[in-house]
C-alpha atoms as a PDB file:
ATOM      1  CA  MET A   1      27.696  51.732  17.218  1.00  0.00           C
ATOM      2  CA  ASN A   2      24.893  50.740  14.854  1.00  0.00           C
ATOM      3  CA  ILE A   3      27.416  48.931  12.674  1.00  0.00           C
ATOM      4  CA  LEU A   4      28.734  47.018  15.700  1.00  0.00           C
ATOM      5  CA  ALA A   5      25.209  46.071  16.850  1.00  0.00           C
ATOM      6  CA  SER A   6      24.316  44.905  13.360  1.00  0.00           C
ATOM      7  CA  ALA A   7      27.437  42.740  13.192  1.00  0.00           C
ATOM      8  CA  ILE A   8      26.647  41.221  16.588  1.00  0.00           C
ATOM      9  CA  ARG A   9      23.081  40.409  15.496  1.00  0.00           C
ATOM     10  CA  ARG A  10      24.364  38.775  12.308  1.00  0.00           C
ATOM     11  CA  ALA A  11      26.857  36.721  14.283  1.00  0.00           C
ATOM     12  CA  LEU A  12      24.198  35.612  16.768  1.00  0.00           C
ATOM     13  CA  GLY A  13      21.818  34.725  13.924  1.00  0.00           C
ATOM     14  CA  LEU A  14      24.525  32.696  12.219  1.00  0.00           C
ATOM     15  CA  ALA A  15      25.307  30.866  15.465  1.00  0.00           C
ATOM     16  CA  VAL A  16      21.620  30.011  15.985  1.00  0.00           C
ATOM     17  CA  LEU A  17      21.352  28.800  12.386  1.00  0.00           C
ATOM     18  CA  ILE A  18      24.421  26.581  12.842  1.00  0.00           C
ATOM     19  CA  LEU A  19      23.049  25.150  16.093  1.00  0.00           C
ATOM     20  CA  VAL A  20      19.630  24.425  14.567  1.00  0.00           C
ATOM     21  CA  SER A  21      21.196  22.901  11.467  1.00  0.00           C
ATOM     22  CA  SER A  22      23.490  20.778  13.620  1.00  0.00           C
ATOM     23  CA  ALA A  23      20.590  19.622  15.776  1.00  0.00           C
ATOM     24  CA  CYS A  24      18.540  18.694  12.697  1.00  0.00           C
ATOM     25  CA  GLN A  25      21.415  16.702  11.303  1.00  0.00           C
ATOM     26  CA  THR A  26      22.011  14.768  14.498  1.00  0.00           C
ATOM     27  CA  LEU A  27      18.382  13.810  15.213  1.00  0.00           C
ATOM     28  CA  PRO A  28      17.998  10.115  14.349  1.00  0.00           C
ATOM     29  CA  PRO A  29      15.043   9.042  12.196  1.00  0.00           C
ATOM     30  CA  PRO A  30      12.147   7.473  14.107  1.00  0.00           C
ATOM     31  CA  PRO A  31      12.590   3.717  14.409  1.00  0.00           C
ATOM     32  CA  LYS A  32      10.594   1.588  11.988  1.00  0.00           C
ATOM     33  CA  PRO A  33       7.870  -0.339  13.847  1.00  0.00           C
ATOM     34  CA  VAL A  34       8.308  -4.072  14.266  1.00  0.00           C
ATOM     35  CA  LEU A  35       5.433  -6.527  14.068  1.00  0.00           C
ATOM     36  CA  PRO A  36       5.118  -8.996  16.960  1.00  0.00           C
ATOM     37  CA  ALA A  37       5.476 -12.619  15.855  1.00  0.00           C
ATOM     38  CA  ALA A  38       1.747 -13.272  16.363  1.00  0.00           C
ATOM     39  CA  VAL A  39       0.815 -10.374  14.066  1.00  0.00           C
ATOM     40  CA  ALA A  40       3.462 -11.270  11.485  1.00  0.00           C
ATOM     41  CA  GLY A  41       1.851 -14.729  11.379  1.00  0.00           C
ATOM     42  CA  LEU A  42      -1.248 -13.143   9.780  1.00  0.00           C
ATOM     43  CA  PHE A  43       0.789 -12.528   6.600  1.00  0.00           C
ATOM     44  CA  SER A  44       2.042 -14.931   3.934  1.00  0.00           C
ATOM     45  CA  GLY A  45       2.734 -15.176   0.218  1.00  0.00           C
ATOM     46  CA  CYS A  46      -0.267 -15.288  -2.126  1.00  0.00           C
ATOM     47  CA  GLY A  47       0.505 -18.719  -3.572  1.00  0.00           C
ATOM     48  CA  PRO A  48       1.101 -21.473  -4.270  1.00  0.00           C
ATOM     49  CA  GLY A  49      -1.887 -23.015  -2.526  1.00  0.00           C
ATOM     50  CA  ASP A  50      -5.396 -24.397  -2.864  1.00  0.00           C
ATOM     51  CA  GLY A  51      -8.570 -24.868  -0.868  1.00  0.00           C
ATOM     52  CA  ALA A  52     -12.346 -24.670  -0.735  1.00  0.00           C
ATOM     53  CA  VAL A  53     -14.726 -22.169   0.855  1.00  0.00           C
ATOM     54  CA  THR A  54     -18.430 -21.415   1.039  1.00  0.00           C
ATOM     55  CA  LEU A  55     -18.826 -18.012  -0.613  1.00  0.00           C
ATOM     56  CA  GLN A  56     -21.800 -15.768   0.101  1.00  0.00           C
ATOM     57  CA  LEU A  57     -22.663 -12.589  -1.795  1.00  0.00           C
ATOM     58  CA  TYR A  58     -24.844  -9.873  -0.278  1.00  0.00           C
ATOM     59  CA  ALA A  59     -26.353  -7.071  -2.363  1.00  0.00           C
ATOM     60  CA  ASP A  60     -27.850  -4.074  -0.565  1.00  0.00           C
ATOM     61  CA  GLY A  61     -27.768  -6.088   2.666  1.00  0.00           C
ATOM     62  CA  ALA A  62     -29.707  -9.090   1.337  1.00  0.00           C
ATOM     63  CA  LEU A  63     -28.214 -12.498   0.559  1.00  0.00           C
ATOM     64  CA  ALA A  64     -27.956 -12.744  -3.235  1.00  0.00           C
ATOM     65  CA  GLY A  65     -26.378 -16.193  -3.443  1.00  0.00           C
ATOM     66  CA  SER A  66     -24.232 -18.833  -1.770  1.00  0.00           C
ATOM     67  CA  LEU A  67     -21.956 -21.237  -3.649  1.00  0.00           C
ATOM     68  CA  GLU A  68     -19.173 -23.639  -2.822  1.00  0.00           C
ATOM     69  CA  THR A  69     -15.931 -22.288  -4.225  1.00  0.00           C
ATOM     70  CA  SER A  70     -12.724 -24.163  -4.948  1.00  0.00           C
ATOM     71  CA  TRP A  71      -9.471 -22.458  -5.856  1.00  0.00           C
ATOM     72  CA  MET A  72      -5.940 -23.286  -6.845  1.00  0.00           C
ATOM     73  CA  ALA A  73      -2.956 -20.973  -7.250  1.00  0.00           C
ATOM     74  CA  ARG A  74       0.352 -21.910  -8.830  1.00  0.00           C
ATOM     75  CA  SER A  75       1.555 -18.443  -7.884  1.00  0.00           C
ATOM     76  CA  ALA A  76       0.139 -15.015  -7.132  1.00  0.00           C
ATOM     77  CA  ASP A  77       0.053 -14.387 -10.886  1.00  0.00           C
ATOM     78  CA  GLU A  78      -1.545 -17.649 -11.991  1.00  0.00           C
ATOM     79  CA  TRP A  79      -4.669 -18.946 -10.290  1.00  0.00           C
ATOM     80  CA  GLN A  80      -8.184 -20.160 -10.955  1.00  0.00           C
ATOM     81  CA  VAL A  81     -11.445 -20.128  -9.011  1.00  0.00           C
ATOM     82  CA  GLU A  82     -14.569 -22.246  -9.577  1.00  0.00           C
ATOM     83  CA  LEU A  83     -18.021 -21.543  -8.128  1.00  0.00           C
ATOM     84  CA  ILE A  84     -20.079 -24.744  -7.838  1.00  0.00           C
ATOM     85  CA  ASP A  85     -23.823 -25.109  -7.186  1.00  0.00           C
ATOM     86  CA  PRO A  86     -25.373 -27.740  -4.806  1.00  0.00           C
ATOM     87  CA  LEU A  87     -25.742 -30.156  -7.750  1.00  0.00           C
ATOM     88  CA  GLY A  88     -21.998 -30.046  -8.422  1.00  0.00           C
ATOM     89  CA  ARG A  89     -22.260 -27.944 -11.586  1.00  0.00           C
ATOM     90  CA  THR A  90     -19.633 -25.273 -12.265  1.00  0.00           C
ATOM     91  CA  MET A  91     -21.546 -22.006 -12.453  1.00  0.00           C
ATOM     92  CA  LEU A  92     -18.538 -19.741 -12.903  1.00  0.00           C
ATOM     93  CA  LYS A  93     -14.866 -20.320 -13.594  1.00  0.00           C
ATOM     94  CA  VAL A  94     -12.368 -17.486 -13.266  1.00  0.00           C
ATOM     95  CA  HIS A  95      -8.834 -17.950 -14.549  1.00  0.00           C
ATOM     96  CA  ASN A  96      -6.027 -15.458 -14.183  1.00  0.00           C
ATOM     97  CA  HIS A  97      -2.744 -15.671 -16.018  1.00  0.00           C
ATOM     98  CA  GLY A  98      -0.574 -12.602 -15.556  1.00  0.00           C
ATOM     99  CA  THR A  99      -2.970  -9.663 -15.864  1.00  0.00           C
ATOM    100  CA  ARG A 100      -5.649 -11.331 -17.992  1.00  0.00           C
ATOM    101  CA  LEU A 101      -8.889 -12.548 -16.445  1.00  0.00           C
ATOM    102  CA  ASP A 102     -11.060 -15.087 -18.262  1.00  0.00           C
ATOM    103  CA  PHE A 103     -14.633 -15.916 -17.203  1.00  0.00           C
ATOM    104  CA  ALA A 104     -16.644 -18.961 -18.237  1.00  0.00           C
ATOM    105  CA  GLY A 105     -19.882 -20.658 -17.146  1.00  0.00           C
ATOM    106  CA  PRO A 106     -23.574 -19.745 -16.833  1.00  0.00           C
ATOM    107  CA  LEU A 107     -22.912 -16.851 -14.424  1.00  0.00           C
ATOM    108  CA  ALA A 108     -20.252 -15.222 -16.630  1.00  0.00           C
ATOM    109  CA  ALA A 109     -22.801 -13.115 -18.501  1.00  0.00           C
ATOM    110  CA  ARG A 110     -24.212 -11.782 -15.222  1.00  0.00           C
ATOM    111  CA  MET A 111     -20.860 -10.662 -13.838  1.00  0.00           C
ATOM    112  CA  PRO A 112     -20.191  -6.931 -13.378  1.00  0.00           C
ATOM    113  CA  THR A 113     -17.480  -5.533 -15.617  1.00  0.00           C
ATOM    114  CA  VAL A 114     -14.187  -6.578 -14.032  1.00  0.00           C
ATOM    115  CA  SER A 115     -10.951  -4.918 -15.129  1.00  0.00           C
ATOM    116  CA  VAL A 116      -7.388  -4.410 -13.904  1.00  0.00           C
ATOM    117  CA  ASP A 117      -5.758  -0.972 -13.811  1.00  0.00           C
ATOM    118  CA  ALA A 118      -2.097  -0.063 -14.383  1.00  0.00           C
ATOM    119  CA  ALA A 119      -1.246  -0.677 -10.709  1.00  0.00           C
ATOM    120  CA  GLY A 120      -2.720  -4.194 -10.889  1.00  0.00           C
ATOM    121  CA  THR A 121      -5.801  -3.234  -8.859  1.00  0.00           C
ATOM    122  CA  LEU A 122      -9.128  -4.913  -9.566  1.00  0.00           C
ATOM    123  CA  ALA A 123     -11.982  -2.632 -10.600  1.00  0.00           C
ATOM    124  CA  LEU A 124     -15.743  -3.334 -10.712  1.00  0.00           C
ATOM    125  CA  ASN A 125     -17.679  -1.380 -13.331  1.00  0.00           C
ATOM    126  CA  GLY A 126     -14.733   0.996 -13.604  1.00  0.00           C
ATOM    127  CA  HIS A 127     -14.386   1.622  -9.856  1.00  0.00           C
ATOM    128  CA  PRO A 128     -11.173   0.402  -8.124  1.00  0.00           C
ATOM    129  CA  THR A 129     -11.773  -2.067  -5.300  1.00  0.00           C
ATOM    130  CA  GLY A 130      -8.532  -1.577  -3.362  1.00  0.00           C
ATOM    131  CA  ILE A 131      -7.576  -5.246  -3.894  1.00  0.00           C
ATOM    132  CA  GLN A 132      -4.817  -6.163  -6.306  1.00  0.00           C
ATOM    133  CA  LEU A 133      -5.284  -9.035  -8.733  1.00  0.00           C
ATOM    134  CA  ARG A 134      -2.328 -10.964  -7.331  1.00  0.00           C
ATOM    135  CA  GLU A 135      -3.829 -10.754  -3.818  1.00  0.00           C
ATOM    136  CA  VAL A 136      -6.892 -12.891  -4.662  1.00  0.00           C
ATOM    137  CA  PRO A 137      -5.194 -16.149  -3.511  1.00  0.00           C
ATOM    138  CA  CYS A 138      -4.441 -14.467  -0.171  1.00  0.00           C
ATOM    139  CA  LEU A 139      -8.115 -13.582   0.200  1.00  0.00           C
ATOM    140  CA  LEU A 140      -9.158 -17.192  -0.269  1.00  0.00           C
ATOM    141  CA  ALA A 141      -6.337 -18.527   1.935  1.00  0.00           C
ATOM    142  CA  PHE A 142      -7.363 -16.315   4.899  1.00  0.00           C
ATOM    143  CA  THR A 143      -4.103 -14.392   5.048  1.00  0.00           C
ATOM    144  CA  TYR A 144      -2.902 -10.850   4.456  1.00  0.00           C
ATOM    145  CA  PRO A 145      -0.313 -10.381   1.666  1.00  0.00           C
ATOM    146  CA  LYS A 146       3.289 -10.686   2.813  1.00  0.00           C
ATOM    147  CA  ALA A 147       4.210  -7.962   0.304  1.00  0.00           C
ATOM    148  CA  TRP A 148       2.576  -5.417   2.620  1.00  0.00           C
ATOM    149  CA  LEU A 149       5.308  -5.889   5.227  1.00  0.00           C
ATOM    150  CA  SER A 150       7.836  -3.868   3.230  1.00  0.00           C
ATOM    151  CA  ALA A 151       5.371  -0.929   3.343  1.00  0.00           C
ATOM    152  CA  LEU A 152       5.011  -0.895   7.160  1.00  0.00           C
ATOM    153  CA  ALA A 153       5.306   2.756   8.212  1.00  0.00           C
ATOM    154  CA  GLU A 154       3.753   3.415  11.633  1.00  0.00           C
ATOM    155  CA  ARG A 155       2.311   1.900  14.778  1.00  0.00           C
ATOM    156  CA  GLU A 156      -0.466   3.680  16.659  1.00  0.00           C
ATOM    157  CA  GLY A 157      -2.345   3.074  19.868  1.00  0.00           C
ATOM    158  CA  GLU A 158      -1.793   1.557  23.251  1.00  0.00           C
ATOM    159  CA  GLY A 159      -3.894  -0.570  25.560  1.00  0.00           C
ATOM    160  CA  GLY A 160      -6.634  -2.670  24.005  1.00  0.00           C
ATOM    161  CA  LYS A 161      -6.195  -1.879  20.300  1.00  0.00           C
ATOM    162  CA  VAL A 162      -3.118  -1.292  18.159  1.00  0.00           C
ATOM    163  CA  ARG A 163      -3.103  -0.143  14.532  1.00  0.00           C
ATOM    164  CA  TYR A 164      -0.304  -0.814  12.055  1.00  0.00           C
ATOM    165  CA  LEU A 165      -0.125   1.492   9.040  1.00  0.00           C
ATOM    166  CA  PHE A 166       1.190   0.336   5.657  1.00  0.00           C
ATOM    167  CA  ARG A 167       1.706   2.870   2.872  1.00  0.00           C
ATOM    168  CA  GLN A 168       2.048   2.180  -0.848  1.00  0.00           C
ATOM    169  CA  PRO A 169       2.032   4.733  -3.687  1.00  0.00           C
ATOM    170  CA  GLU A 170      -1.518   3.865  -4.767  1.00  0.00           C
ATOM    171  CA  ARG A 171      -3.149   3.058  -1.400  1.00  0.00           C
ATOM    172  CA  SER A 172      -2.686   2.717   2.364  1.00  0.00           C
ATOM    173  CA  MET A 173      -3.702  -0.074   4.742  1.00  0.00           C
ATOM    174  CA  GLU A 174      -4.513   0.133   8.451  1.00  0.00           C
ATOM    175  CA  LEU A 175      -4.532  -3.161  10.334  1.00  0.00           C
ATOM    176  CA  GLU A 176      -6.202  -3.131  13.751  1.00  0.00           C
ATOM    177  CA  VAL A 177      -5.371  -5.903  16.211  1.00  0.00           C
ATOM    178  CA  SER A 178      -5.967  -6.601  19.867  1.00  0.00           C
ATOM    179  CA  SER A 179      -2.870  -6.036  21.972  1.00  0.00           C
ATOM    180  CA  THR A 180      -3.961  -8.865  24.278  1.00  0.00           C
ATOM    181  CA  GLN A 181      -4.903 -11.304  21.476  1.00  0.00           C
ATOM    182  CA  PRO A 182      -2.900 -10.244  18.390  1.00  0.00           C
ATOM    183  CA  SER A 183      -3.658 -13.455  16.487  1.00  0.00           C
ATOM    184  CA  GLY A 184      -7.434 -13.085  17.098  1.00  0.00           C
ATOM    185  CA  PRO A 185     -10.057 -11.486  14.832  1.00  0.00           C
ATOM    186  CA  THR A 186      -8.602  -8.624  12.802  1.00  0.00           C
ATOM    187  CA  CYS A 187      -9.758  -6.061  10.262  1.00  0.00           C
ATOM    188  CA  THR A 188      -7.762  -4.038   7.758  1.00  0.00           C
ATOM    189  CA  ASP A 189      -9.091  -0.810   6.239  1.00  0.00           C
ATOM    190  CA  ILE A 190      -7.730  -0.176   2.746  1.00  0.00           C
ATOM    191  CA  PHE A 191      -7.854   3.445   1.557  1.00  0.00           C
ATOM    192  CA  TRP A 192      -7.290   4.927  -1.892  1.00  0.00           C
ATOM    193  CA  ARG A 193      -8.266   8.035  -3.830  1.00  0.00           C
ATOM    194  CA  GLU A 194     -10.661   8.023  -6.754  1.00  0.00           C
ATOM    195  CA  TYR A 195     -11.248  11.019  -9.025  1.00  0.00           C
ATOM    196  CA  LEU A 196      -8.490  13.043  -7.307  1.00  0.00           C
ATOM    197  CA  ILE A 197     -10.338  14.064  -4.105  1.00  0.00           C
ATOM    198  CA  LEU A 198     -12.819  11.255  -3.445  1.00  0.00           C
ATOM    199  CA  SER A 199     -11.473   8.840  -0.838  1.00  0.00           C
ATOM    200  CA  ARG A 200     -12.697   5.231  -0.854  1.00  0.00           C
ATOM    201  CA  LYS A 201     -12.410   2.492   1.765  1.00  0.00           C
ATOM    202  CA  LEU A 202     -12.614  -1.297   1.736  1.00  0.00           C
ATOM    203  CA  THR A 203     -12.604  -3.350   4.948  1.00  0.00           C
ATOM    204  CA  TRP A 204     -11.060  -6.837   4.891  1.00  0.00           C
ATOM    205  CA  CYS A 205     -11.614  -8.929   8.035  1.00  0.00           C
ATOM    206  CA  LEU A 206     -10.269 -12.310   9.165  1.00  0.00           C
ATOM    207  CA  SER A 207     -11.403 -14.469  12.065  1.00  0.00           C
ATOM    208  CA  GLY A 208     -11.375 -18.036  13.334  1.00  0.00           C
ATOM    209  CA  THR A 209      -8.643 -20.629  13.602  1.00  0.00           C
ATOM    210  CA  LYS A 210      -9.983 -24.141  13.005  1.00  0.00           C
ATOM    211  CA  ARG A 211     -12.813 -22.930  10.749  1.00  0.00           C
ATOM    212  CA  ARG A 212     -11.615 -19.706   9.286  1.00  0.00           C
ATOM    213  CA  LYS A 213     -13.871 -16.874   8.122  1.00  0.00           C
ATOM    214  CA  ALA A 214     -13.320 -13.690   6.134  1.00  0.00           C
ATOM    215  CA  SER A 215     -15.278 -10.800   4.670  1.00  0.00           C
ATOM    216  CA  LEU A 216     -14.967  -7.825   2.355  1.00  0.00           C
ATOM    217  CA  VAL A 217     -17.137  -4.768   2.923  1.00  0.00           C
ATOM    218  CA  GLY A 218     -17.070  -1.752   0.599  1.00  0.00           C
ATOM    219  CA  LEU A 219     -17.336  -3.348  -2.859  1.00  0.00           C
ATOM    220  CA  SER A 220     -19.877  -0.788  -4.108  1.00  0.00           C
ATOM    221  CA  ASP A 221     -23.209  -2.183  -2.865  1.00  0.00           C
ATOM    222  CA  TYR A 222     -21.825  -5.685  -2.343  1.00  0.00           C
ATOM    223  CA  LYS A 223     -20.467  -7.582   0.630  1.00  0.00           C
ATOM    224  CA  LEU A 224     -18.609 -10.875   0.350  1.00  0.00           C
ATOM    225  CA  THR A 225     -18.156 -13.421   3.120  1.00  0.00           C
ATOM    226  CA  TRP A 226     -16.498 -16.820   2.916  1.00  0.00           C
ATOM    227  CA  VAL A 227     -15.969 -19.704   5.327  1.00  0.00           C
ATOM    228  CA  GLN A 228     -13.381 -22.459   5.122  1.00  0.00           C
ATOM    229  CA  ILE A 229     -14.724 -25.893   4.148  1.00  0.00           C
ATOM    230  CA  ASP A 230     -13.124 -28.631   6.239  1.00  0.00           C
ATOM    231  CA  ASP A 231     -11.061 -31.181   4.317  1.00  0.00           C
END
């Protein structure tokens, strides 16, 4: 009798295992989120392009300087930026070709140590910023990098605010938009890990249409804002 009961239990267990395995195999993967056209319009390639902005640097909450800035990008991997004082003098010129950054001008000696890690991420004084070198033209052109779209993983939220999550091996990005005005002001939080367990965050915001504005918050003790200069 015990042998029969044991055989029945084994048979029932095998049947349950088959049913569970079959159910797991037939469950479809969750659908990949799709960006509405208005949100997708916030993204573009990081070059070619050019333009001019008024750049302001804040240190510890106080305005440290404001300079007109012109930029030109042949591609995401070849661009240059010039910071110009009110007298028209070039105070700093930054040129990138591939992964090499060159600095020239009176402000070059006062720059923090800027480097590029193996993932192509910019670092200030040895600390990653969360921004990749090839994304600098996108910063100045008031657009999020189109390369992020292939990393779109999730959509969260209903009602007033919706968040789109993008995941890359070295970082993740969370874009928050208004569900009623998806092309309006937006902010993206960029997260990455530093020193294994320490999590860091940079916030990149865009706003405006005719006169566009942008900001970066989380660059150590610095904050950058820039405003489009009308042609």
